[in-house]
Amino acid sequence: MNPWLDWKLEIKEAWNNSPEEFLQNRKIKHTMHPNNRAWARMFYDKIQSKDLLESVKDPDFGKPNRTYKEYSLTTLQQMFYFERLEEYFDYNKIECIVDVGAGYGNFYRLVKQLGYNKEYRMIDFPELLELQEHYINNTIDQQNLNYLELTESNITPPSNSLLYATFSISEMNKADRSILEKVYNKYTYIFITYNRNFNSISNTDYFSNLKEQLNDKFEIKILDCPVVTNLGHQYFIGVKRGII
């Protein structure tokens, strides 16, 4: 059984019990807000845009773990990912971001503070959508933001869309992955990070096979994460063929 079926209930209970300081909860730290100073420093050192990083400091709400300097590991990691979006995609042409498995909503806060104001969809379990809305309501103005469960219609994007999924698809069961498999080819850009194995599923094999399935429509790179290299995390980066 996928452990997320239990974890989502534990997370809901945790933030209901401590809504102002939920990021200090052990289960939330384990699943979406880790606190590893060595990793945080490695991500900080890799970030090029320190001036932009300055503008996305973690707000006090939720009592985040400011793991290195003034930043949480979550924010440093997501700022590093943001720079990868700018590196591999034409970021300014993106009209919709579909964030599958959106944690507690921090990436929306980050891109919003960096000027993104187009459509954004958070896709998650109902229990986690409630947490994301709670966090966003207390940290930043919402604009063009929708909180949605994982269904084919909810993840079918408009044109010029980005599928963004960091350590979420790789922790899904096969049935949920099959929903995404129906719509990958409708995206313009795909950015997925994943661990090599989860719950007896080889993600290395899964994403290698997915690359083969999408290769006629996308130019795809599978790259090793250049940060915290001992964990074996990888990136699946896709750009639809013919995009200029």
Protein backbone atom coordinates (compact mmCIF):
# COMPACT_ATOMS: atom_id res chain seq x y z
CA MET A 1 0.00 0.00 0.00
CA ASN A 2 1.21 3.49 -0.80
CA PRO A 3 2.27 5.17 2.47
CA TRP A 4 0.80 8.47 1.31
CA LEU A 5 -2.66 7.11 2.08
CA ASP A 6 -1.70 7.25 5.75
CA TRP A 7 0.65 10.22 5.58
CA LYS A 8 -2.00 12.56 4.16
CA LEU A 9 -4.23 11.88 7.16
CA GLU A 10 -1.37 12.40 9.60
CA ILE A 11 -0.49 15.68 7.87
CA LYS A 12 -4.09 16.89 8.03
CA GLU A 13 -4.21 16.16 11.76
CA ALA A 14 -0.86 17.86 12.30
CA TRP A 15 -1.72 21.17 10.69
CA ASN A 16 -5.19 21.22 12.24
CA ASN A 17 -3.57 20.81 15.66
CA SER A 18 -0.96 23.52 15.06
CA PRO A 19 -2.11 25.75 12.20
CA GLU A 20 0.35 28.58 12.93
CA GLU A 21 3.43 26.36 13.35
CA PHE A 22 2.60 23.31 11.23
CA LEU A 23 6.02 23.23 9.55
CA GLN A 24 7.53 22.13 12.86
CA ASN A 25 5.55 18.88 12.83
CA ARG A 26 7.72 15.76 12.45
CA LYS A 27 5.61 14.17 9.69
CA ILE A 28 5.46 17.40 7.70
CA LYS A 29 9.22 17.81 8.02
CA HIS A 30 9.70 14.27 6.79
CA THR A 31 7.43 14.55 3.76
CA MET A 32 7.59 18.17 2.55
CA HIS A 33 9.78 20.43 4.71
CA PRO A 34 13.09 18.69 5.47
CA ASN A 35 15.71 20.31 7.67
CA ASN A 36 19.18 19.27 6.50
CA ARG A 37 21.78 22.02 6.77
CA ALA A 38 24.38 20.29 4.57
CA TRP A 39 21.87 19.86 1.73
CA ALA A 40 20.62 23.42 2.15
CA ARG A 41 24.13 24.80 1.84
CA MET A 42 24.73 22.76 -1.33
CA PHE A 43 21.58 24.14 -2.95
CA TYR A 44 22.42 27.68 -1.82
CA ASP A 45 25.88 27.44 -3.39
CA LYS A 46 24.38 26.28 -6.71
CA ILE A 47 21.86 29.13 -6.98
CA GLN A 48 23.05 31.80 -9.41
CA SER A 49 20.45 34.51 -8.78
CA LYS A 50 21.17 35.46 -5.19
CA ASP A 51 19.34 38.76 -5.72
CA LEU A 52 16.16 36.92 -6.72
CA LEU A 53 16.63 34.50 -3.85
CA GLU A 54 16.63 37.48 -1.50
CA SER A 55 13.12 38.35 -2.68
CA VAL A 56 11.61 34.93 -1.85
CA LYS A 57 12.64 34.49 1.78
CA ASP A 58 10.35 32.25 3.77
CA PRO A 59 7.58 34.13 5.57
CA ASP A 60 7.19 33.53 9.29
CA PHE A 61 3.83 31.83 8.92
CA GLY A 62 4.00 28.10 9.61
CA LYS A 63 7.28 28.58 11.52
CA PRO A 64 9.59 27.33 8.76
CA ASN A 65 12.98 25.80 9.46
CA ARG A 66 15.47 28.41 8.25
CA THR A 67 18.09 25.78 7.65
CA TYR A 68 20.84 27.83 6.01
CA LYS A 69 21.26 31.58 6.28
CA GLU A 70 17.69 32.95 6.11
CA TYR A 71 16.15 30.19 4.01
CA SER A 72 14.46 26.86 4.42
CA LEU A 73 15.82 23.91 2.48
CA THR A 74 12.44 23.79 0.70
CA THR A 75 12.82 27.34 -0.62
CA LEU A 76 16.46 26.83 -1.62
CA GLN A 77 15.61 23.62 -3.46
CA GLN A 78 12.67 25.21 -5.25
CA MET A 79 14.68 28.29 -6.22
CA PHE A 80 17.25 25.95 -7.74
CA TYR A 81 14.44 24.25 -9.68
CA PHE A 82 13.14 27.64 -10.82
CA GLU A 83 16.53 28.37 -12.34
CA ARG A 84 16.35 25.04 -14.17
CA LEU A 85 12.99 26.09 -15.66
CA GLU A 86 14.63 29.24 -16.97
CA GLU A 87 17.61 27.25 -18.24
CA TYR A 88 15.73 24.56 -20.16
CA PHE A 89 12.44 26.21 -21.13
CA ASP A 90 11.18 29.53 -22.50
CA TYR A 91 9.78 30.33 -19.07
CA ASN A 92 8.15 33.63 -20.06
CA LYS A 93 5.93 31.83 -22.59
CA ILE A 94 4.39 29.52 -19.99
CA GLU A 95 0.66 30.22 -19.70
CA CYS A 96 -0.19 27.57 -17.10
CA ILE A 97 1.76 25.67 -14.44
CA VAL A 98 0.25 22.37 -13.32
CA ASP A 99 1.96 21.52 -10.03
CA VAL A 100 1.35 17.86 -9.26
CA GLY A 101 1.93 17.12 -5.59
CA ALA A 102 2.38 20.71 -4.45
CA GLY A 103 3.64 20.12 -0.92
CA TYR A 104 2.38 22.94 1.28
CA GLY A 105 2.21 25.42 -1.61
CA ASN A 106 5.64 27.01 -1.35
CA PHE A 107 6.52 26.87 -5.05
CA TYR A 108 3.42 28.88 -5.93
CA ARG A 109 4.47 31.50 -3.37
CA LEU A 110 7.95 31.58 -4.87
CA VAL A 111 6.98 31.99 -8.53
CA LYS A 112 4.27 34.50 -7.60
CA GLN A 113 6.83 36.63 -5.78
CA LEU A 114 9.06 36.35 -8.85
CA GLY A 115 6.32 37.82 -11.04
CA TYR A 116 4.31 34.86 -12.36
CA ASN A 117 0.63 35.82 -12.59
CA LYS A 118 -0.82 33.36 -15.10
CA GLU A 119 -2.83 30.21 -14.45
CA TYR A 120 -1.59 27.85 -11.73
CA ARG A 121 -3.14 24.53 -10.74
CA MET A 122 -2.24 22.65 -7.59
CA ILE A 123 -3.04 18.95 -7.96
CA ASP A 124 -3.16 16.89 -4.80
CA PHE A 125 -5.13 14.88 -2.26
CA PRO A 126 -8.06 16.85 -0.75
CA GLU A 127 -6.35 16.82 2.66
CA LEU A 128 -3.24 18.46 1.21
CA LEU A 129 -5.18 20.94 -0.91
CA GLU A 130 -6.66 22.22 2.35
CA LEU A 131 -3.16 22.69 3.76
CA GLN A 132 -1.97 24.48 0.62
CA GLU A 133 -4.91 26.86 0.69
CA HIS A 134 -4.30 27.50 4.40
CA TYR A 135 -0.65 28.38 3.71
CA ILE A 136 -1.32 30.54 0.64
CA ASN A 137 -4.16 32.43 2.35
CA ASN A 138 -1.73 33.47 5.07
CA THR A 139 1.34 34.31 2.98
CA ILE A 140 0.56 35.78 -0.44
CA ASP A 141 -2.25 37.11 -2.62
CA GLN A 142 -3.85 34.49 -4.84
CA GLN A 143 -4.30 35.05 -8.54
CA ASN A 144 -5.43 32.54 -11.18
CA LEU A 145 -4.89 29.72 -8.67
CA ASN A 146 -6.98 26.55 -8.54
CA TYR A 147 -6.85 23.71 -6.01
CA LEU A 148 -7.74 20.47 -7.79
CA GLU A 149 -7.73 16.72 -7.28
CA LEU A 150 -5.97 14.37 -9.68
CA THR A 151 -8.36 13.66 -12.55
CA GLU A 152 -7.76 13.58 -16.27
CA SER A 153 -9.81 16.73 -16.85
CA ASN A 154 -8.07 18.66 -14.08
CA ILE A 155 -4.61 17.94 -15.47
CA THR A 156 -5.49 18.45 -19.13
CA PRO A 157 -3.72 21.75 -19.83
CA PRO A 158 -4.24 24.69 -22.15
CA SER A 159 -1.52 25.52 -24.66
CA ASN A 160 1.98 26.53 -23.53
CA SER A 161 1.75 24.70 -20.23
CA LEU A 162 4.31 23.27 -17.84
CA LEU A 163 3.87 20.04 -15.92
CA TYR A 164 5.85 20.51 -12.71
CA ALA A 165 6.20 17.55 -10.35
CA THR A 166 8.94 17.27 -7.75
CA PHE A 167 9.10 13.89 -6.01
CA SER A 168 5.37 13.35 -6.44
CA ILE A 169 4.80 11.23 -9.53
CA SER A 170 7.64 9.02 -8.37
CA GLU A 171 5.69 8.37 -5.15
CA MET A 172 2.37 7.58 -6.83
CA ASN A 173 0.79 4.20 -7.31
CA LYS A 174 0.44 2.84 -10.82
CA ALA A 175 -3.23 3.79 -11.14
CA ASP A 176 -2.53 7.47 -10.50
CA ARG A 177 0.45 7.45 -12.83
CA SER A 178 -1.79 6.09 -15.58
CA ILE A 179 -3.97 9.20 -15.35
CA LEU A 180 -0.96 11.39 -16.09
CA GLU A 181 0.15 9.13 -18.90
CA LYS A 182 -3.00 10.08 -20.81
CA VAL A 183 -2.10 13.78 -20.95
CA TYR A 184 1.69 14.14 -21.00
CA ASN A 185 1.64 14.78 -24.74
CA LYS A 186 -0.65 17.79 -24.25
CA TYR A 187 2.03 19.74 -22.38
CA THR A 188 4.67 21.98 -23.88
CA TYR A 189 7.16 21.52 -21.07
CA ILE A 190 7.69 18.78 -18.48
CA PHE A 191 9.85 19.05 -15.37
CA ILE A 192 9.87 16.06 -13.02
CA THR A 193 12.27 15.19 -10.22
CA TYR A 194 12.29 11.70 -8.81
CA ASN A 195 13.97 9.24 -6.50
CA ARG A 196 15.21 6.01 -8.04
CA ASN A 197 12.89 3.69 -6.14
CA PHE A 198 9.74 4.06 -4.08
CA ASN A 199 7.47 1.46 -2.53
CA SER A 200 8.88 -1.40 -4.65
CA ILE A 201 8.56 0.58 -7.93
CA SER A 202 11.74 1.26 -9.91
CA ASN A 203 11.43 4.87 -10.98
CA THR A 204 14.64 4.53 -12.97
CA ASP A 205 12.88 1.99 -15.21
CA TYR A 206 9.58 3.85 -15.19
CA PHE A 207 10.97 7.16 -16.41
CA SER A 208 13.30 5.50 -18.91
CA ASN A 209 10.24 3.81 -20.41
CA LEU A 210 8.28 7.07 -20.31
CA LYS A 211 11.06 8.76 -22.24
CA GLU A 212 10.75 6.13 -24.97
CA GLN A 213 6.97 6.56 -25.09
CA LEU A 214 7.18 10.35 -25.44
CA ASN A 215 10.29 10.54 -27.59
CA ASP A 216 8.42 11.15 -30.85
CA LYS A 217 6.77 14.29 -29.45
CA PHE A 218 9.36 15.60 -26.98
CA GLU A 219 13.05 16.23 -26.75
CA ILE A 220 13.81 14.63 -23.39
CA LYS A 221 16.80 14.72 -21.09
CA ILE A 222 17.22 12.54 -18.02
CA LEU A 223 19.86 14.16 -15.83
CA ASP A 224 21.43 13.34 -12.51
CA CYS A 225 20.77 15.94 -9.84
CA PRO A 226 24.01 17.95 -9.44
CA VAL A 227 23.21 18.61 -5.77
CA VAL A 228 23.23 15.99 -3.00
CA THR A 229 24.56 13.53 -5.55
CA ASN A 230 24.77 10.57 -3.17
CA LEU A 231 20.96 10.22 -3.12
CA GLY A 232 20.73 9.39 -6.81
CA HIS A 233 17.91 11.81 -7.60
CA GLN A 234 17.21 12.47 -11.27
CA TYR A 235 15.45 15.06 -13.44
CA PHE A 236 13.13 14.30 -16.35
CA ILE A 237 13.08 17.36 -18.61
CA GLY A 238 10.90 17.47 -21.71
CA VAL A 239 10.35 20.11 -24.38
CA LYS A 240 7.76 19.49 -27.11
CA ARG A 241 9.38 19.12 -30.50
CA GLY A 242 8.96 22.07 -32.82
CA ILE A 243 8.86 24.67 -30.06
CA ILE A 244 10.86 27.75 -30.99
